């Protein structure tokens, strides 16, 4: 404030106002740091505030500009193993530290379950209807007493196993998944002569 008096004297009074830059906020919501992702396509869920521009870095390689008006970014098909995704933000006051998340890509877990009949059940014939669930398998086969009998229909949940022996029979699903996963699930079925 400048004040001029009648005798041309000048009086000055000042105050200093400090205006802070708005805080730059960057968050990677998914995948969380240290998490496991099943499947090779990863969608990053993120949020930004007061960012003027930013870049993606995938495993140390520049992967393009961050879309500031979006909240998701889909990564290309990734190999299995550990990956690091980073956002490198710039605010009105310049560059800010990278915000990163490290995650591990794994093959989806192989799951096999024989749902019916119960283990040790008896059937009054030489065949049995088997209820089952198979998830994330690439191929699966039925075995009867250690010998392959037919392939498992992965989208179905019911199969008929023929030619049971009289007495104890071991029926198994032998499944293979991605990344060399293998899993076997078995039950014992007792076959009886109708006579």
Protein backbone atom coordinates (compact mmCIF):
# COMPACT_ATOMS: atom_id res chain seq x y z
CA UNK A 1 0.00 0.00 0.00
CA UNK A 2 1.53 3.32 -1.07
CA UNK A 3 0.33 6.44 0.70
CA UNK A 4 1.22 9.95 -0.56
CA UNK A 5 0.94 12.73 2.02
CA UNK A 6 0.40 16.46 1.41
CA UNK A 7 4.10 17.18 1.64
CA UNK A 8 4.92 14.51 -0.98
CA UNK A 9 6.04 12.09 1.73
CA UNK A 10 5.50 8.46 0.82
CA UNK A 11 4.57 5.78 3.29
CA UNK A 12 4.62 2.12 2.32
CA UNK A 13 3.12 -0.86 4.13
CA UNK A 14 3.33 -4.42 2.71
CA UNK A 15 2.25 -7.94 3.55
CA UNK A 16 3.48 -11.12 1.87
CA UNK A 17 0.95 -13.74 0.72
CA UNK A 18 2.24 -17.19 -0.20
CA UNK A 19 0.09 -19.11 -2.63
CA UNK A 20 0.84 -22.84 -2.59
CA UNK A 21 0.59 -24.97 -5.69
CA UNK A 22 -2.37 -27.36 -5.55
CA UNK A 23 -1.26 -30.78 -4.28
CA UNK A 24 -0.62 -33.41 -6.95
CA UNK A 25 -2.45 -36.63 -6.06
CA UNK A 26 -1.94 -39.86 -8.01
CA UNK A 27 -3.28 -43.25 -6.90
CA UNK A 28 -3.17 -46.67 -8.53
CA UNK A 29 -6.24 -48.42 -7.09
CA UNK A 30 -5.91 -51.73 -8.98
CA UNK A 31 -3.90 -53.82 -9.16
CA UNK A 32 -2.64 -53.23 -5.65
CA UNK A 33 1.10 -53.30 -5.03
CA UNK A 34 2.18 -56.91 -4.47
CA UNK A 35 -1.02 -58.43 -5.85
CA UNK A 36 -1.50 -61.42 -8.14
CA UNK A 37 -3.39 -61.11 -11.42
CA UNK A 38 -4.83 -64.21 -13.09
CA UNK A 39 -4.88 -63.83 -16.86
CA UNK A 40 -2.62 -61.89 -19.16
CA UNK A 41 -4.72 -58.77 -19.77
CA UNK A 42 -4.52 -56.22 -16.95
CA UNK A 43 -6.73 -53.18 -16.50
CA UNK A 44 -5.24 -50.44 -14.33
CA UNK A 45 -7.73 -48.47 -12.22
CA UNK A 46 -6.26 -45.09 -11.24
CA UNK A 47 -7.13 -41.56 -10.14
CA UNK A 48 -5.30 -38.23 -10.55
CA UNK A 49 -5.83 -34.71 -9.22
CA UNK A 50 -4.01 -31.46 -10.07
CA UNK A 51 -1.89 -33.23 -12.67
CA UNK A 52 -1.08 -31.31 -15.85
CA UNK A 53 0.44 -34.30 -17.67
CA UNK A 54 1.72 -37.79 -16.90
CA UNK A 55 3.31 -40.82 -18.54
CA UNK A 56 2.88 -44.56 -18.13
CA UNK A 57 5.97 -46.69 -17.52
CA UNK A 58 5.64 -50.46 -17.83
CA UNK A 59 8.69 -52.37 -16.59
CA UNK A 60 10.82 -49.25 -17.10
CA UNK A 61 9.65 -48.64 -20.69
CA UNK A 62 7.76 -45.47 -21.69
CA UNK A 63 4.22 -46.62 -22.51
CA UNK A 64 2.60 -43.34 -23.52
CA UNK A 65 0.59 -40.55 -22.00
CA UNK A 66 -1.85 -41.00 -19.13
CA UNK A 67 -5.38 -39.97 -20.07
CA UNK A 68 -6.15 -37.51 -17.28
CA UNK A 69 -9.89 -37.56 -17.99
CA UNK A 70 -10.09 -41.35 -17.62
CA UNK A 71 -9.81 -43.74 -14.68
CA UNK A 72 -8.83 -47.00 -16.42
CA UNK A 73 -6.01 -48.10 -18.68
CA UNK A 74 -5.73 -51.57 -20.24
CA UNK A 75 -2.25 -53.01 -20.67
CA UNK A 76 -1.31 -55.16 -23.65
CA UNK A 77 -1.02 -58.93 -23.37
CA UNK A 78 1.61 -59.49 -20.67
CA UNK A 79 3.88 -62.45 -20.07
CA UNK A 80 3.61 -64.37 -16.81
CA UNK A 81 5.85 -63.13 -14.03
CA UNK A 82 6.44 -59.89 -12.11
CA UNK A 83 5.64 -56.52 -13.73
CA UNK A 84 5.78 -52.92 -12.52
CA UNK A 85 3.44 -50.18 -13.75
CA UNK A 86 4.19 -46.54 -12.89
CA UNK A 87 2.60 -43.14 -13.43
CA UNK A 88 5.11 -40.31 -13.74
CA UNK A 89 3.11 -37.10 -12.93
CA UNK A 90 3.80 -33.42 -13.61
CA UNK A 91 1.92 -30.69 -11.74
CA UNK A 92 1.96 -26.90 -11.94
CA UNK A 93 5.13 -26.94 -9.83
CA UNK A 94 6.94 -29.47 -12.05
CA UNK A 95 7.74 -33.17 -11.83
CA UNK A 96 6.62 -35.34 -8.93
CA UNK A 97 7.80 -38.80 -7.79
CA UNK A 98 6.52 -41.81 -9.71
CA UNK A 99 3.59 -43.75 -8.30
CA UNK A 100 4.05 -47.49 -8.94
CA UNK A 101 2.45 -50.87 -8.36
CA UNK A 102 4.21 -54.20 -8.73
CA UNK A 103 2.07 -57.22 -9.55
CA UNK A 104 2.55 -60.84 -10.60
CA UNK A 105 0.82 -62.41 -13.61
CA UNK A 106 -0.08 -66.06 -13.05
CA UNK A 107 -2.09 -68.63 -14.95
CA UNK A 108 -5.65 -68.98 -13.65
CA UNK A 109 -5.78 -71.72 -10.99
CA UNK A 110 -6.90 -75.10 -12.24
CA UNK A 111 -9.97 -76.39 -10.38
CA UNK A 112 -11.51 -79.86 -10.62
CA UNK A 113 -14.38 -81.22 -8.53
CA UNK A 114 -16.49 -84.37 -8.79
CA UNK A 115 -19.83 -83.36 -7.29
CA UNK A 116 -21.82 -86.61 -7.53
CA UNK A 117 -22.19 -89.38 -6.64
CA UNK A 118 -20.40 -89.46 -3.29
CA UNK A 119 -17.16 -91.39 -2.96
CA UNK A 120 -17.81 -95.09 -2.28
CA UNK A 121 -21.31 -95.08 -3.79
CA UNK A 122 -22.78 -98.26 -5.23
CA UNK A 123 -24.52 -98.48 -8.60
CA UNK A 124 -26.75 -101.39 -9.67
CA UNK A 125 -25.35 -101.50 -13.22
CA UNK A 126 -22.20 -101.23 -15.29
CA UNK A 127 -22.50 -97.46 -15.76
CA UNK A 128 -22.68 -94.33 -13.61
CA UNK A 129 -23.67 -90.71 -14.13
CA UNK A 130 -20.98 -88.35 -12.78
CA UNK A 131 -21.54 -84.69 -11.90
CA UNK A 132 -18.45 -82.50 -12.10
CA UNK A 133 -17.03 -78.98 -12.36
CA UNK A 134 -13.83 -78.10 -14.19
CA UNK A 135 -12.46 -74.53 -14.31
CA UNK A 136 -9.50 -73.05 -16.19
CA UNK A 137 -8.53 -76.34 -17.86
CA UNK A 138 -7.19 -76.49 -21.39
CA UNK A 139 -7.86 -80.23 -21.68
CA UNK A 140 -9.15 -83.01 -19.41
CA UNK A 141 -9.76 -86.74 -19.70
CA UNK A 142 -11.70 -89.41 -17.84
CA UNK A 143 -9.94 -92.54 -16.64
CA UNK A 144 -11.53 -95.73 -15.38
CA UNK A 145 -9.28 -97.89 -13.22
CA UNK A 146 -6.21 -96.10 -14.62
CA UNK A 147 -7.13 -96.45 -18.31
CA UNK A 148 -8.30 -93.45 -20.40
CA UNK A 149 -11.93 -93.81 -21.45
CA UNK A 150 -12.89 -90.47 -23.07
CA UNK A 151 -12.29 -86.74 -22.96
CA UNK A 152 -14.05 -84.42 -20.53
CA UNK A 153 -16.48 -81.95 -22.07
CA UNK A 154 -15.26 -78.79 -20.32
CA UNK A 155 -18.49 -76.82 -20.73
CA UNK A 156 -20.72 -79.64 -19.45
CA UNK A 157 -21.25 -80.76 -15.86
CA UNK A 158 -22.52 -84.28 -16.38
CA UNK A 159 -20.95 -87.41 -17.91
CA UNK A 160 -21.82 -91.11 -18.19
CA UNK A 161 -19.00 -93.57 -17.51
CA UNK A 162 -19.67 -97.00 -19.08
CA UNK A 163 -18.19 -100.48 -18.66
CA UNK A 164 -17.74 -100.47 -14.88
CA UNK A 165 -16.29 -103.63 -13.38
CA UNK A 166 -18.21 -105.47 -10.70
CA UNK A 167 -16.75 -104.31 -7.41
CA UNK A 168 -14.51 -101.32 -6.85
CA UNK A 169 -13.88 -98.86 -9.73
CA UNK A 170 -11.70 -95.76 -9.60
CA UNK A 171 -13.01 -92.96 -11.83
CA UNK A 172 -10.78 -89.90 -12.29
CA UNK A 173 -10.70 -86.58 -14.09
CA UNK A 174 -7.14 -85.80 -15.19
CA UNK A 175 -6.97 -82.11 -16.12
CA UNK A 176 -4.28 -79.84 -17.53
CA UNK A 177 -4.28 -76.06 -17.32
CA UNK A 178 -2.16 -73.20 -18.54
CA UNK A 179 1.50 -72.99 -17.56
CA UNK A 180 1.84 -76.81 -17.21
CA UNK A 181 -0.68 -77.12 -14.36
CA UNK A 182 -2.00 -80.64 -13.73
CA UNK A 183 -4.69 -81.83 -11.36
CA UNK A 184 -6.42 -85.17 -10.82
CA UNK A 185 -9.66 -85.77 -8.91
CA UNK A 186 -10.91 -89.34 -8.28
CA UNK A 187 -13.78 -91.22 -6.68
CA UNK A 188 -14.46 -94.92 -6.02
CA UNK A 189 -17.69 -96.38 -7.39
CA UNK A 190 -18.85 -99.90 -6.50
CA UNK A 191 -20.45 -101.75 -9.43
CA UNK A 192 -23.01 -104.47 -8.67
CA UNK A 193 -24.41 -107.29 -10.76
CA UNK A 194 -28.13 -106.76 -11.32
CA UNK A 195 -28.66 -110.46 -10.49
